[in-house]
Amino acid sequence: MDARLLDVLVCPLCKGPLVYDKAAQELICKADRLAFPIRDGIPIMWEDQARVLDADTQ
């Protein structure tokens, strides 16, 4: 994942910051408790493609 791209990407719902989870290949929005997948190096920023994080996930 390109660091320059990470600097400009925000959550498409709340426009908040995203955290890059390299191991899971996801961009995480802690405010909305969503994890957006990264497939073949491309972030998929659609709400219907995001994984909902459970209460135990930080």
Protein backbone atom coordinates (compact mmCIF):
# COMPACT_ATOMS: atom_id res chain seq x y z
CA MET A 1 0.00 0.00 0.00
CA ASP A 2 1.45 3.33 -1.08
CA ALA A 3 2.12 5.61 1.91
CA ARG A 4 1.16 8.69 -0.14
CA LEU A 5 -2.24 7.16 -0.84
CA LEU A 6 -2.75 6.39 2.85
CA ASP A 7 -2.13 10.06 3.65
CA VAL A 8 -5.07 11.23 1.51
CA LEU A 9 -7.63 8.44 2.03
CA VAL A 10 -10.41 8.99 4.56
CA CYS A 11 -13.49 7.04 5.52
CA PRO A 12 -16.13 7.52 2.80
CA LEU A 13 -18.88 7.73 5.43
CA CYS A 14 -17.60 10.00 8.20
CA LYS A 15 -14.50 11.44 6.43
CA GLY A 16 -12.45 10.38 9.45
CA PRO A 17 -8.95 8.88 9.48
CA LEU A 18 -8.25 5.30 8.49
CA VAL A 19 -5.79 2.88 10.07
CA TYR A 20 -3.90 0.52 7.77
CA ASP A 21 -3.87 -3.10 8.95
CA LYS A 22 -1.10 -4.61 6.85
CA ALA A 23 -1.63 -8.20 8.05
CA ALA A 24 -5.36 -8.20 7.25
CA GLN A 25 -4.99 -5.94 4.18
CA GLU A 26 -7.72 -3.61 5.42
CA LEU A 27 -8.27 0.07 6.09
CA ILE A 28 -10.07 0.49 9.40
CA CYS A 29 -12.36 3.31 10.44
CA LYS A 30 -12.55 3.18 14.22
CA ALA A 31 -15.38 5.75 14.39
CA ASP A 32 -17.72 3.72 12.15
CA ARG A 33 -16.28 0.34 13.23
CA LEU A 34 -15.76 -0.73 9.61
CA ALA A 35 -12.86 -2.43 7.87
CA PHE A 36 -12.53 -1.73 4.15
CA PRO A 37 -10.71 -4.46 2.19
CA ILE A 38 -7.64 -3.92 0.04
CA ARG A 39 -7.67 -6.23 -2.99
CA ASP A 40 -4.67 -6.44 -5.31
CA GLY A 41 -3.36 -3.22 -3.77
CA ILE A 42 -6.61 -1.32 -4.41
CA PRO A 43 -8.69 -0.10 -1.45
CA ILE A 44 -12.38 -0.98 -1.87
CA MET A 45 -14.11 1.96 -0.22
CA TRP A 46 -17.76 0.90 -0.64
CA GLU A 47 -19.84 0.55 2.50
CA ASP A 48 -21.45 -2.68 1.28
CA GLN A 49 -17.98 -4.24 0.85
CA ALA A 50 -16.77 -3.26 4.34
CA ARG A 51 -16.59 -5.70 7.22
CA VAL A 52 -18.34 -4.60 10.40
CA LEU A 53 -15.99 -4.77 13.39
CA ASP A 54 -17.34 -6.35 16.53
CA ALA A 55 -17.06 -4.69 19.95
CA ASP A 56 -13.95 -6.73 20.84
CA THR A 57 -11.95 -5.50 17.84
CA GLN A 58 -9.85 -2.41 18.48
